[in-house]
């Protein structure tokens, strides 16, 4: 592989990580999805979900966060190009937001089957009940999660 191709690949990754950073620092809803993914992952580990269920949960995280990234891109592009109120811009932004909603709703359905129907939630709760220190640790993370969702990236 030539140096110029490696450099272009490297630059592509840098741009992608910059976009991810922009979304993490500037979009509260993206931080909500990240926080939900953290707690769902913890519950999945404690609930001893199968490898297939874990893979489906990972797909859900990627799908929802990817949709949120695209929604943010659409919103920013629309805000940049619109001069005043434009019903087409409003429609585009609403449709992009609906795409995130549909992905999130599908993830809730997956979570219902994995955690309630297959019993992973009950297994996770039993796991925590046997390890109260871990339950306390999870509770202690909640204020940090709230700060991350609502205050991270805000300019003072």
Protein backbone atom coordinates (compact mmCIF):
# COMPACT_ATOMS: atom_id res chain seq x y z
CA UNK A 1 0.00 0.00 0.00
CA UNK A 2 1.44 3.37 -0.96
CA UNK A 3 2.14 6.11 1.57
CA UNK A 4 -0.50 8.37 0.04
CA UNK A 5 -3.19 5.66 0.43
CA UNK A 6 -2.16 5.05 4.02
CA UNK A 7 -2.25 8.81 4.66
CA UNK A 8 -5.74 9.07 3.14
CA UNK A 9 -6.95 6.13 5.22
CA UNK A 10 -5.42 7.71 8.32
CA UNK A 11 -7.12 11.03 7.50
CA UNK A 12 -10.45 9.26 6.99
CA UNK A 13 -10.21 7.80 10.48
CA UNK A 14 -9.24 11.18 11.91
CA UNK A 15 -12.31 12.79 10.28
CA UNK A 16 -14.55 10.00 11.57
CA UNK A 17 -13.24 10.36 15.12
CA UNK A 18 -13.63 14.14 14.89
CA UNK A 19 -17.26 13.65 13.89
CA UNK A 20 -17.78 11.24 16.76
CA UNK A 21 -16.21 13.72 19.19
CA UNK A 22 -18.43 16.52 17.87
CA UNK A 23 -21.51 14.40 18.43
CA UNK A 24 -20.45 13.27 21.90
CA UNK A 25 -19.68 16.80 23.06
CA UNK A 26 -22.51 18.57 21.25
CA UNK A 27 -25.49 16.22 21.16
CA UNK A 28 -27.30 15.31 24.37
CA UNK A 29 -29.35 12.58 22.69
CA UNK A 30 -26.19 10.83 21.52
CA UNK A 31 -24.94 10.83 25.12
CA UNK A 32 -28.30 9.36 26.19
CA UNK A 33 -27.76 6.48 23.74
CA UNK A 34 -24.17 5.98 24.95
CA UNK A 35 -25.31 5.91 28.57
CA UNK A 36 -28.12 3.48 27.80
CA UNK A 37 -25.65 1.24 25.95
CA UNK A 38 -23.36 1.26 29.01
CA UNK A 39 -26.10 0.17 31.41
CA UNK A 40 -27.59 -2.36 28.99
CA UNK A 41 -24.12 -3.85 28.47
CA UNK A 42 -23.62 -4.08 32.23
CA UNK A 43 -27.02 -5.75 32.63
CA UNK A 44 -26.26 -8.12 29.77
CA UNK A 45 -22.97 -9.18 31.35
CA UNK A 46 -24.61 -9.71 34.73
CA UNK A 47 -27.60 -11.41 33.09
CA UNK A 48 -25.33 -13.81 31.23
CA UNK A 49 -26.92 -13.26 27.83
CA UNK A 50 -25.90 -15.59 25.04
CA UNK A 51 -23.34 -14.62 22.42
CA UNK A 52 -26.13 -14.23 19.87
CA UNK A 53 -28.13 -11.97 22.17
CA UNK A 54 -25.01 -9.90 22.89
CA UNK A 55 -24.37 -9.55 19.15
CA UNK A 56 -27.95 -8.38 18.57
CA UNK A 57 -27.59 -5.84 21.40
CA UNK A 58 -24.35 -4.57 19.82
CA UNK A 59 -26.15 -4.21 16.49
CA UNK A 60 -28.87 -2.24 18.25
CA UNK A 61 -26.32 0.11 19.80
CA UNK A 62 -24.59 0.65 16.47
CA UNK A 63 -27.84 1.12 14.58
CA UNK A 64 -29.24 3.65 17.02
CA UNK A 65 -26.04 5.63 17.46
CA UNK A 66 -25.41 5.56 13.71
CA UNK A 67 -28.93 6.90 13.13
CA UNK A 68 -28.29 9.61 15.72
CA UNK A 69 -25.06 10.58 13.95
CA UNK A 70 -26.91 10.82 10.62
CA UNK A 71 -29.72 12.79 12.26
CA UNK A 72 -27.18 15.26 13.62
CA UNK A 73 -25.54 15.60 10.21
CA UNK A 74 -28.93 16.24 8.54
CA UNK A 75 -29.88 18.80 11.21
CA UNK A 76 -26.59 20.68 10.92
CA UNK A 77 -26.69 20.72 7.13
CA UNK A 78 -30.30 21.90 7.15
CA UNK A 79 -29.54 24.62 9.71
CA UNK A 80 -26.60 25.80 7.60
CA UNK A 81 -28.53 25.98 4.33
CA UNK A 82 -31.89 27.29 5.54
CA UNK A 83 -32.61 30.99 5.60
CA UNK A 84 -35.47 31.46 8.01
CA UNK A 85 -38.33 29.01 8.32
CA UNK A 86 -38.58 26.39 5.57
CA UNK A 87 -41.22 23.66 5.75
CA UNK A 88 -39.06 21.28 3.67
CA UNK A 89 -36.18 21.70 6.11
CA UNK A 90 -38.56 21.05 9.00
CA UNK A 91 -39.83 17.92 7.25
CA UNK A 92 -36.28 16.68 6.60
CA UNK A 93 -35.29 17.21 10.23
CA UNK A 94 -38.47 15.53 11.51
CA UNK A 95 -37.96 12.54 9.21
CA UNK A 96 -34.33 12.18 10.36
CA UNK A 97 -35.50 12.32 13.99
CA UNK A 98 -38.16 9.70 13.21
CA UNK A 99 -35.44 7.40 11.88
CA UNK A 100 -33.68 7.56 15.25
CA UNK A 101 -37.00 6.92 17.00
CA UNK A 102 -37.70 3.83 14.89
CA UNK A 103 -34.22 2.45 15.62
CA UNK A 104 -34.59 3.14 19.34
CA UNK A 105 -38.05 1.52 19.40
CA UNK A 106 -36.65 -1.59 17.72
CA UNK A 107 -33.91 -1.67 20.37
CA UNK A 108 -36.52 -1.50 23.12
CA UNK A 109 -38.28 -4.47 21.52
CA UNK A 110 -35.00 -6.41 21.40
CA UNK A 111 -34.34 -5.50 25.02
CA UNK A 112 -37.81 -6.72 25.98
CA UNK A 113 -37.15 -10.14 24.49
CA UNK A 114 -33.58 -10.46 25.77
CA UNK A 115 -34.14 -9.15 29.29
CA UNK A 116 -37.74 -10.03 30.07
CA UNK A 117 -38.76 -12.98 27.90
CA UNK A 118 -35.41 -14.80 28.15
CA UNK A 119 -34.95 -13.84 31.80
CA UNK A 120 -31.66 -11.96 31.63
CA UNK A 121 -33.05 -9.16 33.82
CA UNK A 122 -33.95 -11.56 36.62
CA UNK A 123 -30.52 -13.21 36.32
CA UNK A 124 -28.84 -9.78 36.50
CA UNK A 125 -30.88 -8.81 39.57
CA UNK A 126 -29.94 -12.07 41.29
CA UNK A 127 -26.30 -11.44 40.35
CA UNK A 128 -26.46 -7.97 41.94
CA UNK A 129 -28.29 -9.24 45.02
CA UNK A 130 -25.42 -11.67 45.64
CA UNK A 131 -22.85 -8.88 45.18
CA UNK A 132 -24.14 -5.82 47.02
CA UNK A 133 -20.83 -4.01 46.48
CA UNK A 134 -21.47 -4.15 42.73
CA UNK A 135 -25.01 -2.89 43.19
CA UNK A 136 -23.61 0.05 45.18
CA UNK A 137 -21.03 0.68 42.47
CA UNK A 138 -23.78 0.75 39.82
CA UNK A 139 -25.84 3.17 41.94
CA UNK A 140 -22.80 5.43 42.41
CA UNK A 141 -22.39 5.68 38.63
CA UNK A 142 -25.86 7.21 38.19
CA UNK A 143 -24.91 10.80 39.15
CA UNK A 144 -21.91 10.58 36.81
CA UNK A 145 -24.21 9.33 34.04
CA UNK A 146 -26.64 12.20 34.66
CA UNK A 147 -23.77 14.69 34.55
CA UNK A 148 -22.46 13.10 31.34
CA UNK A 149 -25.85 13.27 29.62
CA UNK A 150 -26.84 16.78 30.67
CA UNK A 151 -23.62 18.70 31.29
CA UNK A 152 -20.71 17.10 29.40
CA UNK A 153 -19.47 19.31 26.57
CA UNK A 154 -21.44 22.38 27.67
CA UNK A 155 -19.57 25.60 27.40
CA UNK A 156 -19.45 27.58 30.62
